[in-house]
Amino acid sequence: MASLKEIIASISDAEVEVLKQLWTEAPLSAQDIIERMEQGGNAHPKTIKTLINRLLTKGALRFKEDNRKYLYFPVVKKTDFYRLKTESFLNKFFDGELSPLVSFFSSQKKLSDKQIEELRQLIDKLEADNAD
């Protein structure tokens, strides 16, 4: 059986769209997922069913049967997914360091006063947490 890290690394952008529906509310039937994704203009029902099956095969989803209907729920937690994807991105492009990432983005795009203040508050919180 694949590890959580391997499962998350194997999830495509299209499959993430299915997971997003289930992170918002679970369990959901395939039809519920299809309806929600169609409202957002995402994909064809057959494609969505294929994505659900891929996620099941990868171990990112499970299902339970309820009144002859399959209800799907995520095995992968949203926080774990974003943490591991972010770590992978940082390692791949910034040698695992956060400050070069922030430096790069701030040099590419002018930060608003609000964004700078949010970064200051984040740094203050990080310093307080490290002091404990």
Foldseek 3Di string as FASTA:
>chain_A
DDDLLVLLVPQDPLLVLLQVVQLVPDFDFLVVSQVVCVVVVDDDSVVSVVSVVVNVVSVQKDWDDDPNTTTIHGPDHPVNSVVSVVQVVCCVPPVSDDVVVVVVVCVVDPDDPVRVVVVVVVVVVVVVVVVD
